[in-house]
Amino acid sequence: MKLHHFEEVVAIAERGSVRAASRHLRVAQPALTRSLALLERELGAPLFERRARGVVATPFGQAFITRARSILSEIRRTREEMEQLRGAGTGTVTVGLSIAAHLALLPSSLRPFRQRYPNIKLHIIEGFYPTLETRLRDGSVDFYIGPEGGAQSVPELSLEVLFQNRRVVLCRTGHPLAGATSLRDLVGQDWVTTSITADDSAEINAFFARHDLPAPHLAVRSQSALTLLTCLANTDLLAMVPGQWQDFEMTGQALTTIKIAEALTAPALVVVRRADLPLTPAALHLLDLMRRATSRLEPPGRLSRPAGDAAI
């Protein structure tokens, strides 16, 4: 078993056929087919099921692919770390950020990161933890910052709490209820949500139930900041979102906060990363910049646990 076997199997899995993988790897298709056959013979099990329009990984193949991706990620990190330690400053940093992390941490971190590592390719994925867990585990995502929640216990991953968060209610500027002072004033309105759980109503319903109010009507569900912004700016929909939205300069004129009296708590923002896989210098620098950015956030009072003290 050699390194090219891992690269070939991952390419076949990601592109869905030997033919497409051969084009990607710039290897003749017959040679790739022979290489795969030899590997399957060595392992004593088929890795792919051949179908009319490509291939699908077998259970053995899925296990091999997961391990192969992890190995390739560690090799990439090792190579990039050596280059960065030599001062080359090249490579790739891939991070997953929730909407709140985008708004709160990215604006003040981007410029100093680019100044320190101008040749690093930065890949930023907007999403929530459940959609990124697999890539965090195989090392293809360096770290995730976003709300704690929706995570299962995974020994390979460590969690660090950056800060406790809060929510606010947003609407378009000029909304008829912009001057409301209580959740009770918002009963009967339509809402757009960016829930991080499968049950998009559970989080917002809890706030209304706590005050003996009927559940709100959720008209739109989104996991995109652009969708949320578009819905709020162009309709009378309301949204209960992380407090960082109200300080975001690009939405300052289009949106306004409804200052209700009720306290609206939110899941803490956390860092999730592989516990056993050191970050490259560039990835660690970006994470440190984002940690520093939390000191300027409201509410004050930052909680932290060393990475590895808590696993998710």
C-alpha atoms as a PDB file:
ATOM      1  CA  MET A   1       0.000   0.000   0.000  1.00  0.00           C
ATOM      2  CA  LYS A   2       1.481   3.325  -1.097  1.00  0.00           C
ATOM      3  CA  LEU A   3       0.562   6.994  -0.858  1.00  0.00           C
ATOM      4  CA  HIS A   4      -0.841   7.083  -4.393  1.00  0.00           C
ATOM      5  CA  HIS A   5      -3.395   4.430  -3.417  1.00  0.00           C
ATOM      6  CA  PHE A   6      -4.932   6.812  -0.864  1.00  0.00           C
ATOM      7  CA  GLU A   7      -4.978   9.655  -3.379  1.00  0.00           C
ATOM      8  CA  GLU A   8      -6.563   7.470  -6.056  1.00  0.00           C
ATOM      9  CA  VAL A   9      -9.313   6.050  -3.841  1.00  0.00           C
ATOM     10  CA  VAL A  10     -10.273   9.504  -2.537  1.00  0.00           C
ATOM     11  CA  ALA A  11     -10.323  10.889  -6.094  1.00  0.00           C
ATOM     12  CA  ILE A  12     -12.569   8.057  -7.280  1.00  0.00           C
ATOM     13  CA  ALA A  13     -14.930   8.569  -4.321  1.00  0.00           C
ATOM     14  CA  GLU A  14     -15.145  12.327  -4.793  1.00  0.00           C
ATOM     15  CA  ARG A  15     -15.656  12.219  -8.562  1.00  0.00           C
ATOM     16  CA  GLY A  16     -17.894   9.188  -8.711  1.00  0.00           C
ATOM     17  CA  SER A  17     -16.072   7.228 -11.392  1.00  0.00           C
ATOM     18  CA  VAL A  18     -12.672   5.840 -12.320  1.00  0.00           C
ATOM     19  CA  ARG A  19     -12.770   7.766 -15.574  1.00  0.00           C
ATOM     20  CA  ALA A  20     -13.329  11.133 -13.899  1.00  0.00           C
ATOM     21  CA  ALA A  21     -10.675  10.354 -11.283  1.00  0.00           C
ATOM     22  CA  SER A  22      -8.146   9.431 -13.973  1.00  0.00           C
ATOM     23  CA  ARG A  23      -8.681  12.814 -15.656  1.00  0.00           C
ATOM     24  CA  HIS A  24      -8.280  14.610 -12.348  1.00  0.00           C
ATOM     25  CA  LEU A  25      -5.114  12.706 -11.422  1.00  0.00           C
ATOM     26  CA  ARG A  26      -3.786  12.811 -15.013  1.00  0.00           C
ATOM     27  CA  VAL A  27      -3.342   9.058 -14.950  1.00  0.00           C
ATOM     28  CA  ALA A  28      -4.384   6.724 -17.748  1.00  0.00           C
ATOM     29  CA  GLN A  29      -7.689   5.058 -16.918  1.00  0.00           C
ATOM     30  CA  PRO A  30      -6.389   1.490 -17.458  1.00  0.00           C
ATOM     31  CA  ALA A  31      -3.477   2.188 -15.105  1.00  0.00           C
ATOM     32  CA  LEU A  32      -5.827   3.532 -12.427  1.00  0.00           C
ATOM     33  CA  THR A  33      -8.124   0.532 -12.833  1.00  0.00           C
ATOM     34  CA  ARG A  34      -5.164  -1.857 -12.381  1.00  0.00           C
ATOM     35  CA  SER A  35      -3.938   0.060  -9.335  1.00  0.00           C
ATOM     36  CA  LEU A  36      -7.377  -0.111  -7.713  1.00  0.00           C
ATOM     37  CA  ALA A  37      -7.649  -3.829  -8.464  1.00  0.00           C
ATOM     38  CA  LEU A  38      -4.252  -4.516  -6.879  1.00  0.00           C
ATOM     39  CA  LEU A  39      -5.218  -2.527  -3.782  1.00  0.00           C
ATOM     40  CA  GLU A  40      -8.537  -4.358  -3.434  1.00  0.00           C
ATOM     41  CA  ARG A  41      -6.684  -7.669  -3.791  1.00  0.00           C
ATOM     42  CA  GLU A  42      -4.234  -6.640  -1.055  1.00  0.00           C
ATOM     43  CA  LEU A  43      -7.072  -5.586   1.264  1.00  0.00           C
ATOM     44  CA  GLY A  44      -9.129  -8.649   0.435  1.00  0.00           C
ATOM     45  CA  ALA A  45     -12.302  -6.633  -0.086  1.00  0.00           C
ATOM     46  CA  PRO A  46     -13.917  -4.515  -2.822  1.00  0.00           C
ATOM     47  CA  LEU A  47     -13.788  -0.766  -2.167  1.00  0.00           C
ATOM     48  CA  PHE A  48     -16.328   0.245  -4.814  1.00  0.00           C
ATOM     49  CA  GLU A  49     -19.431  -1.233  -6.365  1.00  0.00           C
ATOM     50  CA  ARG A  50     -19.408  -0.751 -10.113  1.00  0.00           C
ATOM     51  CA  ARG A  51     -22.585   0.694 -11.606  1.00  0.00           C
ATOM     52  CA  ALA A  52     -23.663   1.837 -15.057  1.00  0.00           C
ATOM     53  CA  ARG A  53     -22.951   5.513 -14.341  1.00  0.00           C
ATOM     54  CA  GLY A  54     -19.957   5.210 -12.068  1.00  0.00           C
ATOM     55  CA  VAL A  55     -19.053   3.673  -8.744  1.00  0.00           C
ATOM     56  CA  VAL A  56     -20.364   3.735  -5.179  1.00  0.00           C
ATOM     57  CA  ALA A  57     -18.230   2.967  -2.142  1.00  0.00           C
ATOM     58  CA  THR A  58     -18.870  -0.321  -0.359  1.00  0.00           C
ATOM     59  CA  PRO A  59     -18.874  -0.405   3.486  1.00  0.00           C
ATOM     60  CA  PHE A  60     -15.197  -1.431   3.282  1.00  0.00           C
ATOM     61  CA  GLY A  61     -14.605   1.421   0.869  1.00  0.00           C
ATOM     62  CA  GLN A  62     -16.290   3.983   3.121  1.00  0.00           C
ATOM     63  CA  ALA A  63     -14.028   2.983   6.013  1.00  0.00           C
ATOM     64  CA  PHE A  64     -10.937   3.152   3.783  1.00  0.00           C
ATOM     65  CA  ILE A  65     -11.948   6.534   2.339  1.00  0.00           C
ATOM     66  CA  THR A  66     -12.415   8.031   5.809  1.00  0.00           C
ATOM     67  CA  ARG A  67      -8.964   6.847   6.848  1.00  0.00           C
ATOM     68  CA  ALA A  68      -7.409   7.902   3.542  1.00  0.00           C
ATOM     69  CA  ARG A  69      -8.748  11.447   3.821  1.00  0.00           C
ATOM     70  CA  SER A  70      -7.351  11.728   7.333  1.00  0.00           C
ATOM     71  CA  ILE A  71      -3.931  10.479   6.204  1.00  0.00           C
ATOM     72  CA  LEU A  72      -3.825  12.848   3.237  1.00  0.00           C
ATOM     73  CA  SER A  73      -4.849  15.774   5.447  1.00  0.00           C
ATOM     74  CA  GLU A  74      -2.058  15.002   7.916  1.00  0.00           C
ATOM     75  CA  ILE A  75       0.487  14.741   5.108  1.00  0.00           C
ATOM     76  CA  ARG A  76      -0.686  18.078   3.702  1.00  0.00           C
ATOM     77  CA  ARG A  77      -0.493  19.713   7.126  1.00  0.00           C
ATOM     78  CA  THR A  78       2.991  18.319   7.718  1.00  0.00           C
ATOM     79  CA  ARG A  79       4.261  19.597   4.377  1.00  0.00           C
ATOM     80  CA  GLU A  80       2.698  23.028   4.875  1.00  0.00           C
ATOM     81  CA  GLU A  81       3.945  23.303   8.451  1.00  0.00           C
ATOM     82  CA  MET A  82       7.522  22.637   7.346  1.00  0.00           C
ATOM     83  CA  GLU A  83       7.201  25.227   4.570  1.00  0.00           C
ATOM     84  CA  GLN A  84       5.728  27.814   6.933  1.00  0.00           C
ATOM     85  CA  LEU A  85       8.426  27.183   9.544  1.00  0.00           C
ATOM     86  CA  ARG A  86      11.013  27.803   6.810  1.00  0.00           C
ATOM     87  CA  GLY A  87       9.308  31.126   6.126  1.00  0.00           C
ATOM     88  CA  ALA A  88       7.726  30.141   2.812  1.00  0.00           C
ATOM     89  CA  GLY A  89       4.251  31.098   4.034  1.00  0.00           C
ATOM     90  CA  THR A  90       2.402  28.924   1.519  1.00  0.00           C
ATOM     91  CA  GLY A  91      -0.380  26.385   1.873  1.00  0.00           C
ATOM     92  CA  THR A  92      -4.086  26.372   2.640  1.00  0.00           C
ATOM     93  CA  VAL A  93      -6.109  27.149   5.767  1.00  0.00           C
ATOM     94  CA  THR A  94      -9.683  25.847   5.777  1.00  0.00           C
ATOM     95  CA  VAL A  95     -12.068  26.998   8.497  1.00  0.00           C
ATOM     96  CA  GLY A  96     -15.777  26.645   9.144  1.00  0.00           C
ATOM     97  CA  LEU A  97     -17.551  29.697  10.546  1.00  0.00           C
ATOM     98  CA  SER A  98     -21.146  30.201  11.588  1.00  0.00           C
ATOM     99  CA  ILE A  99     -22.905  33.423  10.666  1.00  0.00           C
ATOM    100  CA  ALA A 100     -22.203  34.857  14.119  1.00  0.00           C
ATOM    101  CA  ALA A 101     -18.503  34.036  13.832  1.00  0.00           C
ATOM    102  CA  HIS A 102     -18.394  35.643  10.386  1.00  0.00           C
ATOM    103  CA  LEU A 103     -19.864  38.850  11.734  1.00  0.00           C
ATOM    104  CA  ALA A 104     -18.043  38.959  15.059  1.00  0.00           C
ATOM    105  CA  LEU A 105     -14.547  37.651  14.344  1.00  0.00           C
ATOM    106  CA  LEU A 106     -13.730  37.649  10.641  1.00  0.00           C
ATOM    107  CA  PRO A 107     -13.740  41.409   9.872  1.00  0.00           C
ATOM    108  CA  SER A 108     -10.986  42.264  12.376  1.00  0.00           C
ATOM    109  CA  SER A 109      -8.956  39.110  11.686  1.00  0.00           C
ATOM    110  CA  LEU A 110      -8.724  39.139   7.894  1.00  0.00           C
ATOM    111  CA  ARG A 111      -6.373  42.073   7.353  1.00  0.00           C
ATOM    112  CA  PRO A 112      -3.704  41.078   9.904  1.00  0.00           C
ATOM    113  CA  PHE A 113      -3.855  37.473   8.713  1.00  0.00           C
ATOM    114  CA  ARG A 114      -3.365  38.506   5.087  1.00  0.00           C
ATOM    115  CA  GLN A 115      -0.497  40.783   6.085  1.00  0.00           C
ATOM    116  CA  ARG A 116       1.261  37.946   7.907  1.00  0.00           C
ATOM    117  CA  TYR A 117       0.482  35.212   5.342  1.00  0.00           C
ATOM    118  CA  PRO A 118      -0.218  36.885   1.981  1.00  0.00           C
ATOM    119  CA  ASN A 119       0.428  33.670   0.026  1.00  0.00           C
ATOM    120  CA  ILE A 120      -1.810  31.397   2.058  1.00  0.00           C
ATOM    121  CA  LYS A 121      -5.030  30.292   0.374  1.00  0.00           C
ATOM    122  CA  LEU A 122      -7.834  30.866   2.859  1.00  0.00           C
ATOM    123  CA  HIS A 123     -10.917  28.688   2.401  1.00  0.00           C
ATOM    124  CA  ILE A 124     -13.867  29.822   4.533  1.00  0.00           C
ATOM    125  CA  ILE A 125     -16.983  27.671   4.785  1.00  0.00           C
ATOM    126  CA  GLU A 126     -20.207  29.189   6.109  1.00  0.00           C
ATOM    127  CA  GLY A 127     -22.036  26.557   8.111  1.00  0.00           C
ATOM    128  CA  PHE A 128     -22.869  24.997  11.441  1.00  0.00           C
ATOM    129  CA  TYR A 129     -21.094  22.241  13.333  1.00  0.00           C
ATOM    130  CA  PRO A 130     -23.332  19.301  12.296  1.00  0.00           C
ATOM    131  CA  THR A 131     -22.532  19.897   8.613  1.00  0.00           C
ATOM    132  CA  LEU A 132     -18.772  20.093   9.258  1.00  0.00           C
ATOM    133  CA  GLU A 133     -18.153  17.339  11.813  1.00  0.00           C
ATOM    134  CA  THR A 134     -16.958  14.768   9.270  1.00  0.00           C
ATOM    135  CA  ARG A 135     -14.462  17.184   7.735  1.00  0.00           C
ATOM    136  CA  LEU A 136     -13.191  18.226  11.159  1.00  0.00           C
ATOM    137  CA  ARG A 137     -12.620  14.588  12.021  1.00  0.00           C
ATOM    138  CA  ASP A 138     -10.730  13.788   8.823  1.00  0.00           C
ATOM    139  CA  GLY A 139      -8.663  16.979   9.110  1.00  0.00           C
ATOM    140  CA  SER A 140      -9.801  18.636   5.885  1.00  0.00           C
ATOM    141  CA  VAL A 141     -11.201  21.532   7.980  1.00  0.00           C
ATOM    142  CA  ASP A 142      -8.662  23.028  10.379  1.00  0.00           C
ATOM    143  CA  PHE A 143     -11.151  24.375  12.908  1.00  0.00           C
ATOM    144  CA  TYR A 144     -14.745  25.490  13.337  1.00  0.00           C
ATOM    145  CA  ILE A 145     -16.072  28.483  15.250  1.00  0.00           C
ATOM    146  CA  GLY A 146     -19.779  28.736  15.881  1.00  0.00           C
ATOM    147  CA  PRO A 147     -22.558  28.077  18.388  1.00  0.00           C
ATOM    148  CA  GLU A 148     -22.264  25.165  20.742  1.00  0.00           C
ATOM    149  CA  GLY A 149     -25.091  22.782  20.027  1.00  0.00           C
ATOM    150  CA  GLY A 150     -26.104  19.921  17.801  1.00  0.00           C
ATOM    151  CA  ALA A 151     -22.879  18.052  18.524  1.00  0.00           C
ATOM    152  CA  GLN A 152     -22.482  14.468  19.639  1.00  0.00           C
ATOM    153  CA  SER A 153     -19.653  13.182  21.817  1.00  0.00           C
ATOM    154  CA  VAL A 154     -16.651  12.675  19.529  1.00  0.00           C
ATOM    155  CA  PRO A 155     -13.384  11.800  21.301  1.00  0.00           C
ATOM    156  CA  GLU A 156     -11.176  13.024  18.435  1.00  0.00           C
ATOM    157  CA  LEU A 157     -12.476  16.596  18.710  1.00  0.00           C
ATOM    158  CA  SER A 158     -11.831  19.183  21.410  1.00  0.00           C
ATOM    159  CA  LEU A 159     -13.972  22.151  22.361  1.00  0.00           C
ATOM    160  CA  GLU A 160     -12.953  25.576  23.637  1.00  0.00           C
ATOM    161  CA  VAL A 161     -15.591  28.100  24.718  1.00  0.00           C
ATOM    162  CA  LEU A 162     -14.791  31.550  23.356  1.00  0.00           C
ATOM    163  CA  PHE A 163     -17.639  33.589  24.846  1.00  0.00           C
ATOM    164  CA  GLN A 164     -21.226  33.425  25.996  1.00  0.00           C
ATOM    165  CA  ASN A 165     -23.571  34.934  23.457  1.00  0.00           C
ATOM    166  CA  ARG A 166     -26.999  36.571  23.328  1.00  0.00           C
ATOM    167  CA  ARG A 167     -29.713  37.099  20.762  1.00  0.00           C
ATOM    168  CA  VAL A 168     -31.524  40.155  19.462  1.00  0.00           C
ATOM    169  CA  VAL A 169     -34.639  40.594  17.340  1.00  0.00           C
ATOM    170  CA  LEU A 170     -34.014  42.209  13.953  1.00  0.00           C
ATOM    171  CA  CYS A 171     -36.338  43.737  11.376  1.00  0.00           C
ATOM    172  CA  ARG A 172     -36.065  46.056   8.409  1.00  0.00           C
ATOM    173  CA  THR A 173     -35.636  49.755   9.014  1.00  0.00           C
ATOM    174  CA  GLY A 174     -39.103  51.310   9.041  1.00  0.00           C
ATOM    175  CA  HIS A 175     -40.847  48.109  10.144  1.00  0.00           C
ATOM    176  CA  PRO A 176     -44.230  48.852  11.806  1.00  0.00           C
ATOM    177  CA  LEU A 177     -43.099  47.035  14.966  1.00  0.00           C
ATOM    178  CA  ALA A 178     -39.605  48.523  15.175  1.00  0.00           C
ATOM    179  CA  GLY A 179     -40.600  50.294  18.397  1.00  0.00           C
ATOM    180  CA  ALA A 180     -41.969  47.195  20.168  1.00  0.00           C
ATOM    181  CA  THR A 181     -40.741  46.607  23.712  1.00  0.00           C
ATOM    182  CA  SER A 182     -41.824  43.034  24.464  1.00  0.00           C
ATOM    183  CA  LEU A 183     -42.143  39.605  22.873  1.00  0.00           C
ATOM    184  CA  ARG A 184     -45.862  39.947  23.506  1.00  0.00           C
ATOM    185  CA  ASP A 185     -45.936  42.780  20.963  1.00  0.00           C
ATOM    186  CA  LEU A 186     -44.517  40.379  18.351  1.00  0.00           C
ATOM    187  CA  VAL A 187     -47.102  37.612  18.709  1.00  0.00           C
ATOM    188  CA  GLY A 188     -48.688  36.727  15.373  1.00  0.00           C
ATOM    189  CA  GLN A 189     -45.780  37.930  13.243  1.00  0.00           C
ATOM    190  CA  ASP A 190     -43.946  35.876  10.610  1.00  0.00           C
ATOM    191  CA  TRP A 191     -40.325  34.952  11.260  1.00  0.00           C
ATOM    192  CA  VAL A 192     -37.223  33.803   9.379  1.00  0.00           C
ATOM    193  CA  THR A 193     -34.884  31.484  11.277  1.00  0.00           C
ATOM    194  CA  THR A 194     -31.288  30.268  11.013  1.00  0.00           C
ATOM    195  CA  SER A 195     -31.648  27.323  13.366  1.00  0.00           C
ATOM    196  CA  ILE A 196     -28.621  25.068  13.963  1.00  0.00           C
ATOM    197  CA  THR A 197     -30.792  22.080  14.848  1.00  0.00           C
ATOM    198  CA  ALA A 198     -33.039  19.840  12.781  1.00  0.00           C
ATOM    199  CA  ASP A 199     -36.100  21.256  14.561  1.00  0.00           C
ATOM    200  CA  ASP A 200     -36.058  24.855  13.395  1.00  0.00           C
ATOM    201  CA  SER A 201     -38.931  25.813  15.671  1.00  0.00           C
ATOM    202  CA  ALA A 202     -37.572  24.476  18.964  1.00  0.00           C
ATOM    203  CA  GLU A 203     -35.171  27.333  19.741  1.00  0.00           C
ATOM    204  CA  ILE A 204     -37.452  30.281  19.055  1.00  0.00           C
ATOM    205  CA  ASN A 205     -40.558  28.547  20.437  1.00  0.00           C
ATOM    206  CA  ALA A 206     -38.844  28.152  23.796  1.00  0.00           C
ATOM    207  CA  PHE A 207     -38.582  31.918  24.305  1.00  0.00           C
ATOM    208  CA  PHE A 208     -42.274  32.452  23.627  1.00  0.00           C
ATOM    209  CA  ALA A 209     -43.310  29.462  25.759  1.00  0.00           C
ATOM    210  CA  ARG A 210     -41.243  30.773  28.652  1.00  0.00           C
ATOM    211  CA  HIS A 211     -43.508  33.832  28.727  1.00  0.00           C
ATOM    212  CA  ASP A 212     -46.751  31.891  28.132  1.00  0.00           C
ATOM    213  CA  LEU A 213     -47.038  33.186  24.583  1.00  0.00           C
ATOM    214  CA  PRO A 214     -48.213  31.245  21.515  1.00  0.00           C
ATOM    215  CA  ALA A 215     -45.529  29.843  19.247  1.00  0.00           C
ATOM    216  CA  PRO A 216     -44.492  32.159  16.406  1.00  0.00           C
ATOM    217  CA  HIS A 217     -45.045  31.299  12.756  1.00  0.00           C
ATOM    218  CA  LEU A 218     -41.791  30.408  10.977  1.00  0.00           C
ATOM    219  CA  ALA A 219     -42.235  31.414   7.358  1.00  0.00           C
ATOM    220  CA  VAL A 220     -38.657  30.916   6.106  1.00  0.00           C
ATOM    221  CA  ARG A 221     -35.787  28.724   7.254  1.00  0.00           C
ATOM    222  CA  SER A 222     -32.244  29.521   6.124  1.00  0.00           C
ATOM    223  CA  GLN A 223     -28.624  28.690   6.889  1.00  0.00           C
ATOM    224  CA  SER A 224     -27.316  31.531   4.760  1.00  0.00           C
ATOM    225  CA  ALA A 225     -26.559  35.048   5.943  1.00  0.00           C
ATOM    226  CA  LEU A 226     -27.407  36.400   2.495  1.00  0.00           C
ATOM    227  CA  THR A 227     -30.836  34.749   2.544  1.00  0.00           C
ATOM    228  CA  LEU A 228     -31.536  36.075   6.010  1.00  0.00           C
ATOM    229  CA  LEU A 229     -30.477  39.594   5.068  1.00  0.00           C
ATOM    230  CA  THR A 230     -32.556  39.530   1.880  1.00  0.00           C
ATOM    231  CA  CYS A 231     -35.647  38.320   3.724  1.00  0.00           C
ATOM    232  CA  LEU A 232     -35.358  40.897   6.485  1.00  0.00           C
ATOM    233  CA  ALA A 233     -34.561  43.863   4.265  1.00  0.00           C
ATOM    234  CA  ASN A 234     -37.351  43.221   1.762  1.00  0.00           C
ATOM    235  CA  THR A 235     -40.258  41.947   3.870  1.00  0.00           C
ATOM    236  CA  ASP A 236     -41.832  42.413   7.292  1.00  0.00           C
ATOM    237  CA  LEU A 237     -40.327  39.140   8.522  1.00  0.00           C
ATOM    238  CA  LEU A 238     -38.607  39.178  11.916  1.00  0.00           C
ATOM    239  CA  ALA A 239     -35.522  37.233  13.005  1.00  0.00           C
ATOM    240  CA  MET A 240     -34.056  36.245  16.362  1.00  0.00           C
ATOM    241  CA  VAL A 241     -30.318  36.191  15.692  1.00  0.00           C
ATOM    242  CA  PRO A 242     -26.949  36.433  17.494  1.00  0.00           C
ATOM    243  CA  GLY A 243     -26.289  39.898  18.858  1.00  0.00           C
ATOM    244  CA  GLN A 244     -23.376  40.463  16.472  1.00  0.00           C
ATOM    245  CA  TRP A 245     -25.870  41.228  13.696  1.00  0.00           C
ATOM    246  CA  GLN A 246     -26.771  44.588  15.231  1.00  0.00           C
ATOM    247  CA  ASP A 247     -23.148  45.771  15.056  1.00  0.00           C
ATOM    248  CA  PHE A 248     -22.468  44.650  11.488  1.00  0.00           C
ATOM    249  CA  GLU A 249     -21.678  47.746   9.419  1.00  0.00           C
ATOM    250  CA  MET A 250     -22.965  46.374   6.111  1.00  0.00           C
ATOM    251  CA  THR A 251     -26.477  45.916   7.509  1.00  0.00           C
ATOM    252  CA  GLY A 252     -26.584  49.009   9.709  1.00  0.00           C
ATOM    253  CA  GLN A 253     -28.835  51.057   7.431  1.00  0.00           C
ATOM    254  CA  ALA A 254     -31.055  48.245   6.180  1.00  0.00           C
ATOM    255  CA  LEU A 255     -31.832  46.604   9.524  1.00  0.00           C
ATOM    256  CA  THR A 256     -32.685  47.733  13.012  1.00  0.00           C
ATOM    257  CA  THR A 257     -32.946  46.057  16.408  1.00  0.00           C
ATOM    258  CA  ILE A 258     -36.272  45.708  18.207  1.00  0.00           C
ATOM    259  CA  LYS A 259     -35.317  46.450  21.801  1.00  0.00           C
ATOM    260  CA  ILE A 260     -37.512  44.067  23.763  1.00  0.00           C
ATOM    261  CA  ALA A 261     -37.296  43.740  27.537  1.00  0.00           C
ATOM    262  CA  GLU A 262     -36.951  39.962  27.667  1.00  0.00           C
ATOM    263  CA  ALA A 263     -33.453  38.464  27.911  1.00  0.00           C
ATOM    264  CA  LEU A 264     -32.659  36.324  24.883  1.00  0.00           C
ATOM    265  CA  THR A 265     -29.820  33.925  25.623  1.00  0.00           C
ATOM    266  CA  ALA A 266     -27.879  32.097  22.911  1.00  0.00           C
ATOM    267  CA  PRO A 267     -25.503  29.125  22.755  1.00  0.00           C
ATOM    268  CA  ALA A 268     -21.887  29.977  23.513  1.00  0.00           C
ATOM    269  CA  LEU A 269     -19.552  30.434  20.569  1.00  0.00           C
ATOM    270  CA  VAL A 270     -16.948  27.662  20.596  1.00  0.00           C
ATOM    271  CA  VAL A 271     -13.869  26.470  18.740  1.00  0.00           C
ATOM    272  CA  VAL A 272     -13.903  22.830  17.616  1.00  0.00           C
ATOM    273  CA  ARG A 273     -10.765  21.172  16.237  1.00  0.00           C
ATOM    274  CA  ARG A 274      -8.978  17.845  16.112  1.00  0.00           C
ATOM    275  CA  ALA A 275      -7.539  17.179  19.558  1.00  0.00           C
ATOM    276  CA  ASP A 276      -4.635  15.073  18.265  1.00  0.00           C
ATOM    277  CA  LEU A 277      -3.678  17.116  15.206  1.00  0.00           C
ATOM    278  CA  PRO A 278      -1.636  20.311  15.705  1.00  0.00           C
ATOM    279  CA  LEU A 279      -2.614  23.273  13.570  1.00  0.00           C
ATOM    280  CA  THR A 280      -0.159  24.640  11.047  1.00  0.00           C
ATOM    281  CA  PRO A 281       1.445  27.983  12.034  1.00  0.00           C
ATOM    282  CA  ALA A 282      -0.857  29.830   9.621  1.00  0.00           C
ATOM    283  CA  ALA A 283      -4.037  28.166  10.923  1.00  0.00           C
ATOM    284  CA  LEU A 284      -2.947  28.757  14.510  1.00  0.00           C
ATOM    285  CA  HIS A 285      -2.269  32.433  13.744  1.00  0.00           C
ATOM    286  CA  LEU A 286      -5.772  32.870  12.332  1.00  0.00           C
ATOM    287  CA  LEU A 287      -7.296  31.155  15.353  1.00  0.00           C
ATOM    288  CA  ASP A 288      -5.284  33.389  17.712  1.00  0.00           C
ATOM    289  CA  LEU A 289      -6.489  36.497  15.860  1.00  0.00           C
ATOM    290  CA  MET A 290     -10.079  35.347  16.272  1.00  0.00           C
ATOM    291  CA  ARG A 291      -9.535  34.606  19.964  1.00  0.00           C
ATOM    292  CA  ARG A 292      -8.247  38.161  20.415  1.00  0.00           C
ATOM    293  CA  ALA A 293     -11.267  39.534  18.571  1.00  0.00           C
ATOM    294  CA  THR A 294     -13.570  38.130  21.267  1.00  0.00           C
ATOM    295  CA  SER A 295     -12.184  40.613  23.794  1.00  0.00           C
ATOM    296  CA  ARG A 296     -14.001  43.403  21.930  1.00  0.00           C
ATOM    297  CA  LEU A 297     -17.364  41.652  21.938  1.00  0.00           C
ATOM    298  CA  GLU A 298     -20.413  42.123  24.084  1.00  0.00           C
ATOM    299  CA  PRO A 299     -21.488  40.781  26.493  1.00  0.00           C
ATOM    300  CA  PRO A 300     -18.260  40.880  28.521  1.00  0.00           C
ATOM    301  CA  GLY A 301     -17.081  37.896  30.479  1.00  0.00           C
ATOM    302  CA  ARG A 302     -15.266  35.386  28.344  1.00  0.00           C
ATOM    303  CA  LEU A 303     -15.162  31.759  29.404  1.00  0.00           C
ATOM    304  CA  SER A 304     -12.520  29.398  28.116  1.00  0.00           C
ATOM    305  CA  ARG A 305     -11.375  25.835  28.546  1.00  0.00           C
ATOM    306  CA  PRO A 306      -8.086  24.541  27.225  1.00  0.00           C
ATOM    307  CA  ALA A 307      -8.485  22.601  24.009  1.00  0.00           C
ATOM    308  CA  GLY A 308      -8.823  18.946  24.927  1.00  0.00           C
ATOM    309  CA  ASP A 309     -10.456  19.462  28.330  1.00  0.00           C
ATOM    310  CA  ALA A 310     -13.869  18.871  26.814  1.00  0.00           C
ATOM    311  CA  ALA A 311     -14.662  16.636  23.898  1.00  0.00           C
ATOM    312  CA  ILE A 312     -17.757  16.764  21.746  1.00  0.00           C
END
